Amino acid sequence: MNPITIMTVDDHPLLRAGITGALEFEPDMTVVAEAGNGLQAVELFREHRPDVTLMDVRMPEMNGISAMTQIRKEYPDARIVVLTTYEGDVQALRAIKAGAAGYLLKSMLRKELIDTIRMVHAGQKRIPPEIANELAHHMADEALSSREVEVLRLAASGKSNKRIGGDLFISEETVKSHMTNILSKLSATDRTHAVTIALKRGILDLH
């Protein structure tokens, strides 16, 4: 039996080393490549064609979702497991739409990693129950438009409606209208509450 070939992609060398160390004890697995950002991941995937790729979401130069989209554009059969510290349903949905075969929280790695790799390699999908529950909970929610996300991002940086309007070349009244829609869609009581919800769900990423 050929071992399952694996590529790890994360901008933290310690996490990559930890995963490689954990997989060393599995006779049916071998790490063939490690990448520190999305651009490296795309290049190394072309070179090694790993059976399973473990992909962090937040990385410099190219994030995990963009790297996964690029890889799967070139290699539609690529099997990629997204690793993240964030439970947000919007981020999870983005990863799944981009073709993730698995979605793992980094806090679960010790317990779930080995089984997830084997499942994904066998052609199955792996979404943890808590992520599936979040997705189901928000299934009927109306999504924020790209303009509403822009307004909320600027609000999160502390800008007034007037400043936001100036930045986006729209009137202050239009900004207020967007903010009203945002509060309604997120069931938020005020703009601070809306920003908190958006960060938790992965709608906003301020890093």
Protein backbone atom coordinates (compact mmCIF):
# COMPACT_ATOMS: atom_id res chain seq x y z
CA MET A 1 0.00 0.00 0.00
CA ASN A 2 1.33 3.43 -0.93
CA PRO A 3 1.11 5.88 1.99
CA ILE A 4 -1.24 8.87 1.78
CA THR A 5 0.91 11.83 0.69
CA ILE A 6 0.21 15.05 2.58
CA MET A 7 1.11 18.73 2.21
CA THR A 8 0.78 21.08 5.20
CA VAL A 9 0.17 24.78 4.58
CA ASP A 10 0.43 27.23 7.49
CA ASP A 11 2.43 30.39 8.16
CA HIS A 12 3.39 29.13 11.63
CA PRO A 13 6.39 26.75 11.39
CA LEU A 14 5.62 25.33 14.85
CA LEU A 15 2.15 24.21 13.79
CA ARG A 16 3.53 22.60 10.62
CA ALA A 17 6.19 20.84 12.70
CA GLY A 18 3.54 19.66 15.15
CA ILE A 19 1.41 18.16 12.38
CA THR A 20 4.42 16.51 10.74
CA GLY A 21 5.45 15.09 14.12
CA ALA A 22 1.96 13.69 14.73
CA LEU A 23 1.81 12.05 11.30
CA GLU A 24 5.26 10.44 11.62
CA PHE A 25 3.72 7.70 13.75
CA GLU A 26 1.11 6.80 11.11
CA PRO A 27 2.51 4.10 8.78
CA ASP A 28 -0.05 4.90 6.07
CA MET A 29 0.84 8.62 5.86
CA THR A 30 3.81 10.72 4.79
CA VAL A 31 4.31 14.50 4.62
CA VAL A 32 5.80 15.37 1.22
CA ALA A 33 5.71 19.19 1.34
CA GLU A 34 5.29 22.17 3.67
CA ALA A 35 4.28 25.68 2.60
CA GLY A 36 4.22 28.93 4.58
CA ASN A 37 1.70 30.82 2.46
CA GLY A 38 -0.87 30.33 -0.30
CA LEU A 39 1.49 31.14 -3.19
CA GLN A 40 3.98 28.51 -2.04
CA ALA A 41 1.10 26.07 -1.60
CA VAL A 42 0.04 26.42 -5.24
CA GLU A 43 3.63 25.95 -6.47
CA LEU A 44 4.32 22.96 -4.21
CA PHE A 45 1.01 21.33 -5.10
CA ARG A 46 1.97 21.43 -8.78
CA GLU A 47 5.31 19.84 -7.90
CA HIS A 48 4.17 17.12 -5.46
CA ARG A 49 0.46 16.50 -6.23
CA PRO A 50 -0.28 15.42 -2.62
CA ASP A 51 -3.26 13.16 -1.93
CA VAL A 52 -4.47 15.44 0.88
CA THR A 53 -3.59 19.08 1.60
CA LEU A 54 -4.04 20.65 5.06
CA MET A 55 -4.64 24.35 4.42
CA ASP A 56 -4.67 27.22 6.91
CA VAL A 57 -7.08 30.07 6.08
CA ARG A 58 -5.22 33.17 7.27
CA MET A 59 -1.79 33.53 5.65
CA PRO A 60 0.31 36.30 4.10
CA GLU A 61 0.63 36.83 0.32
CA MET A 62 -2.30 34.58 -0.55
CA ASN A 63 -4.91 33.27 1.89
CA GLY A 64 -6.04 29.67 2.10
CA ILE A 65 -9.37 30.12 0.32
CA SER A 66 -7.68 31.81 -2.67
CA ALA A 67 -4.95 29.15 -2.77
CA MET A 68 -7.53 26.36 -2.63
CA THR A 69 -9.56 27.98 -5.41
CA GLN A 70 -6.44 28.22 -7.61
CA ILE A 71 -5.35 24.63 -6.89
CA ARG A 72 -8.78 23.20 -7.59
CA LYS A 73 -9.04 25.21 -10.79
CA GLU A 74 -5.92 23.42 -12.05
CA TYR A 75 -6.56 20.09 -10.28
CA PRO A 76 -10.32 19.60 -9.72
CA ASP A 77 -9.73 16.33 -7.86
CA ALA A 78 -7.50 17.97 -5.21
CA ARG A 79 -8.59 17.00 -1.71
CA ILE A 80 -8.10 19.87 0.71
CA VAL A 81 -8.86 20.12 4.42
CA VAL A 82 -9.16 23.65 5.77
CA LEU A 83 -7.58 24.30 9.18
CA THR A 84 -8.71 27.34 11.12
CA THR A 85 -9.08 28.80 14.60
CA TYR A 86 -12.41 30.37 13.62
CA GLU A 87 -15.84 28.76 13.89
CA GLY A 88 -17.68 31.36 11.80
CA ASP A 89 -20.35 29.90 9.54
CA VAL A 90 -19.67 32.39 6.72
CA GLN A 91 -15.98 31.48 6.57
CA ALA A 92 -16.88 27.77 6.64
CA LEU A 93 -19.38 28.22 3.83
CA ARG A 94 -16.78 30.13 1.79
CA ALA A 95 -14.33 27.23 2.23
CA ILE A 96 -16.93 24.61 1.32
CA LYS A 97 -17.98 26.56 -1.79
CA ALA A 98 -14.31 26.78 -2.80
CA GLY A 99 -14.20 22.99 -2.69
CA ALA A 100 -12.91 22.06 0.77
CA ALA A 101 -13.40 18.36 1.46
CA GLY A 102 -12.91 18.89 5.18
CA TYR A 103 -13.02 21.70 7.70
CA LEU A 104 -11.15 21.38 11.00
CA LEU A 105 -10.72 23.72 13.93
CA LYS A 106 -7.10 23.81 15.10
CA SER A 107 -8.31 23.07 18.63
CA MET A 108 -9.53 19.68 17.31
CA LEU A 109 -6.32 18.66 15.55
CA ARG A 110 -5.09 16.30 18.24
CA LYS A 111 -8.35 14.30 18.25
CA GLU A 112 -9.64 14.61 14.70
CA LEU A 113 -6.70 15.06 12.32
CA ILE A 114 -5.79 11.45 11.53
CA ASP A 115 -9.40 10.30 11.01
CA THR A 116 -10.16 13.36 8.87
CA ILE A 117 -7.18 12.71 6.57
CA ARG A 118 -8.24 9.08 6.07
CA MET A 119 -11.89 10.04 5.45
CA VAL A 120 -11.02 12.76 2.93
CA HIS A 121 -8.53 10.49 1.16
CA ALA A 122 -11.30 7.89 0.86
CA GLY A 123 -13.48 10.46 -0.91
CA GLN A 124 -15.66 11.48 2.03
CA LYS A 125 -16.29 14.95 3.43
CA ARG A 126 -15.69 15.95 7.04
CA ILE A 127 -17.46 18.90 8.66
CA PRO A 128 -17.44 18.95 12.49
CA PRO A 129 -20.92 18.92 14.11
CA GLU A 130 -20.49 22.37 15.70
CA ILE A 131 -19.69 23.90 12.28
CA ALA A 132 -22.60 22.03 10.66
CA ASN A 133 -24.90 23.37 13.40
CA GLU A 134 -23.71 26.94 12.79
CA LEU A 135 -24.30 26.53 9.05
CA ALA A 136 -27.80 25.14 9.63
CA HIS A 137 -28.61 27.86 12.17
CA HIS A 138 -27.86 30.64 9.67
CA MET A 139 -29.12 28.86 6.54
CA ALA A 140 -32.18 31.11 6.18
CA ASP A 141 -30.34 34.35 7.01
CA GLU A 142 -30.14 36.96 4.29
CA ALA A 143 -26.49 37.57 3.40
CA LEU A 144 -24.93 41.03 3.57
CA SER A 145 -24.25 42.59 0.17
CA SER A 146 -20.64 43.41 -0.72
CA ARG A 147 -21.43 47.11 -0.17
CA GLU A 148 -22.89 46.39 3.27
CA VAL A 149 -19.75 44.47 4.19
CA GLU A 150 -17.66 47.47 3.08
CA VAL A 151 -19.77 49.82 5.23
CA LEU A 152 -19.47 47.51 8.23
CA ARG A 153 -15.70 47.13 7.78
CA LEU A 154 -15.27 50.92 7.83
CA ALA A 155 -17.61 51.18 10.84
CA ALA A 156 -15.45 48.58 12.60
CA SER A 157 -12.44 50.85 12.16
CA GLY A 158 -14.31 53.53 14.12
CA LYS A 159 -15.39 55.78 11.25
CA SER A 160 -18.56 57.87 11.43
CA ASN A 161 -21.35 57.57 8.84
CA LYS A 162 -20.11 60.81 7.29
CA ARG A 163 -16.53 59.52 6.97
CA ILE A 164 -17.76 56.19 5.59
CA GLY A 165 -19.84 58.05 3.00
CA GLY A 166 -16.79 60.11 2.00
CA ASP A 167 -14.63 57.00 1.64
CA LEU A 168 -17.23 55.19 -0.49
CA PHE A 169 -18.42 58.28 -2.43
CA ILE A 170 -21.99 57.87 -1.21
CA SER A 171 -24.22 60.15 0.89
CA GLU A 172 -24.47 59.96 4.66
CA GLU A 173 -28.15 59.03 4.25
CA THR A 174 -27.20 56.07 2.05
CA VAL A 175 -24.72 54.91 4.70
CA LYS A 176 -27.48 55.13 7.34
CA SER A 177 -29.76 53.09 5.09
CA HIS A 178 -27.04 50.41 4.66
CA MET A 179 -26.47 50.36 8.42
CA THR A 180 -30.20 49.85 9.06
CA ASN A 181 -30.17 46.88 6.68
CA ILE A 182 -27.03 45.47 8.32
CA LEU A 183 -28.55 45.64 11.82
CA SER A 184 -31.72 43.96 10.57
CA LYS A 185 -29.91 41.15 8.71
CA LEU A 186 -27.57 40.42 11.64
CA SER A 187 -30.26 40.89 14.33
CA ALA A 188 -27.90 43.39 15.94
CA THR A 189 -28.86 46.13 18.40
CA ASP A 190 -26.24 48.67 17.28
CA ARG A 191 -23.16 48.97 15.07
CA THR A 192 -20.76 47.64 17.75
CA HIS A 193 -22.97 44.57 18.20
CA ALA A 194 -23.10 44.17 14.39
CA VAL A 195 -19.29 44.23 14.16
CA THR A 196 -18.99 41.65 16.97
CA ILE A 197 -21.44 39.31 15.22
CA ALA A 198 -19.74 39.80 11.84
CA LEU A 199 -16.31 38.94 13.31
CA LYS A 200 -17.66 35.85 15.09
CA ARG A 201 -19.38 34.55 11.95
CA GLY A 202 -16.41 35.27 9.67
CA ILE A 203 -18.20 37.96 7.64
CA LEU A 204 -15.47 40.44 8.62
CA ASP A 205 -11.80 39.70 8.94
CA LEU A 206 -9.90 42.66 10.35
CA HIS A 207 -6.43 41.03 10.19
